[in-house]
C-alpha cells in the first residue's frame, strides 16, 4: 500500500521553522528511527511527548534507554513519565526542569 507522507523536517520548514514547538509522537515503535534520521529537527522543539511501548516490542527496554540517551545528548531532560508516555523539555540546565 502506498500512502502520502511528509518528513518531520519538511513539515517543520513548511510551518516556518518554528523554534520551541511541541512535538507529540505516537508512531508505534518508530521513535528510534525518527531520532536517528531527524534529531536536528527534533532539537528545535521545546517539548517532546512520546508514547513508547517497551513491553510490546523486542528489546523494548534497551530501545527506551537508547532514546533517553539520544534525547539527553540533544539537551532534552525527562520531566515526566506516566505509563508509556515520556515528556522531555529542552533545557541546557537540567535543574531548571523541575522534578521528574
Protein backbone atom coordinates (compact mmCIF):
# COMPACT_ATOMS: atom_id res chain seq x y z
CA UNK A 1 0.00 0.00 0.00
CA UNK A 2 1.27 3.43 -0.87
CA UNK A 3 0.47 6.42 1.33
CA UNK A 4 1.32 10.09 1.12
CA UNK A 5 3.79 11.12 3.79
CA UNK A 6 5.95 14.04 4.77
CA UNK A 7 9.16 14.13 6.78
CA UNK A 8 9.31 15.96 10.07
CA UNK A 9 11.95 18.33 8.68
CA UNK A 10 9.76 19.15 5.63
CA UNK A 11 6.74 19.77 7.85
CA UNK A 12 8.82 21.94 10.19
CA UNK A 13 10.11 24.02 7.26
CA UNK A 14 6.59 24.32 5.79
CA UNK A 15 5.39 25.69 9.13
CA UNK A 16 8.06 28.39 9.07
CA UNK A 17 10.78 26.58 11.05
CA UNK A 18 9.34 27.45 14.48
CA UNK A 19 11.66 27.32 17.46
CA UNK A 20 10.42 25.74 20.68
CA UNK A 21 7.49 23.88 19.12
CA UNK A 22 5.82 20.90 20.83
CA UNK A 23 6.27 17.53 19.18
CA UNK A 24 3.82 14.78 20.05
CA UNK A 25 4.98 11.42 18.76
CA UNK A 26 2.93 8.23 18.78
CA UNK A 27 4.45 6.34 15.85
CA UNK A 28 4.27 2.78 17.15
CA UNK A 29 7.91 1.89 17.63
CA UNK A 30 9.49 4.16 15.02
CA UNK A 31 10.75 6.71 17.55
CA UNK A 32 14.35 5.46 17.37
CA UNK A 33 14.29 5.84 13.58
CA UNK A 34 12.81 9.34 13.93
CA UNK A 35 15.61 10.39 16.26
CA UNK A 36 18.32 8.73 14.15
CA UNK A 37 17.07 10.34 10.95
CA UNK A 38 15.94 13.75 12.16
CA UNK A 39 17.40 14.68 15.55
CA UNK A 40 18.34 18.06 14.06
CA UNK A 41 14.67 18.99 13.60
CA UNK A 42 13.62 17.41 16.90
CA UNK A 43 16.29 19.54 18.60
CA UNK A 44 14.33 22.67 17.65
CA UNK A 45 11.41 21.55 19.82
CA UNK A 46 10.87 22.93 23.29
CA UNK A 47 8.79 19.99 24.45
CA UNK A 48 8.65 16.40 23.16
CA UNK A 49 5.93 13.99 24.21
CA UNK A 50 6.45 10.37 23.11
CA UNK A 51 4.36 7.32 23.69
CA UNK A 52 6.67 4.31 23.83
CA UNK A 53 5.67 0.70 24.22
CA UNK A 54 8.73 -1.11 25.60
CA UNK A 55 6.73 -4.13 26.73
CA UNK A 56 5.24 -4.64 23.26
CA UNK A 57 8.42 -4.59 21.16
CA UNK A 58 11.51 -6.77 21.10
CA UNK A 59 14.36 -5.21 23.11
CA UNK A 60 11.90 -2.51 24.18
CA UNK A 61 13.69 -1.51 27.38
CA UNK A 62 17.04 -1.12 25.60
CA UNK A 63 15.34 0.97 22.90
CA UNK A 64 13.89 3.25 25.58
CA UNK A 65 17.39 3.62 27.06
CA UNK A 66 18.72 4.47 23.59
CA UNK A 67 16.01 7.11 23.19
CA UNK A 68 16.79 8.57 26.63
CA UNK A 69 20.48 8.82 25.73
CA UNK A 70 19.77 10.47 22.38
CA UNK A 71 17.38 12.96 23.96
CA UNK A 72 19.85 13.82 26.73
CA UNK A 73 22.60 14.36 24.16
CA UNK A 74 20.24 16.75 22.36
CA UNK A 75 19.81 18.69 25.65
CA UNK A 76 16.37 17.34 26.50
CA UNK A 77 15.60 16.23 30.03
CA UNK A 78 12.90 13.81 31.04
CA UNK A 79 10.46 15.80 33.17
CA UNK A 80 7.57 13.37 33.44
CA UNK A 81 6.67 9.77 32.72
CA UNK A 82 3.20 8.31 33.07
CA UNK A 83 2.72 4.74 31.97
CA UNK A 84 4.27 4.59 28.47
CA UNK A 85 4.23 8.36 27.88
CA UNK A 86 7.51 10.24 28.26
CA UNK A 87 7.77 14.03 28.35
CA UNK A 88 11.06 15.79 27.62
CA UNK A 89 11.78 19.51 27.91
CA UNK A 90 14.61 21.25 26.12
CA UNK A 91 16.86 22.80 28.73
CA UNK A 92 20.59 23.33 28.85
CA UNK A 93 20.42 23.27 32.65
CA UNK A 94 18.62 20.17 33.94
CA UNK A 95 17.95 21.64 37.38
CA UNK A 96 15.56 24.12 35.74
CA UNK A 97 13.22 21.40 34.52
CA UNK A 98 11.76 20.57 37.91
CA UNK A 99 11.17 17.19 39.48
CA UNK A 100 10.51 14.08 37.41
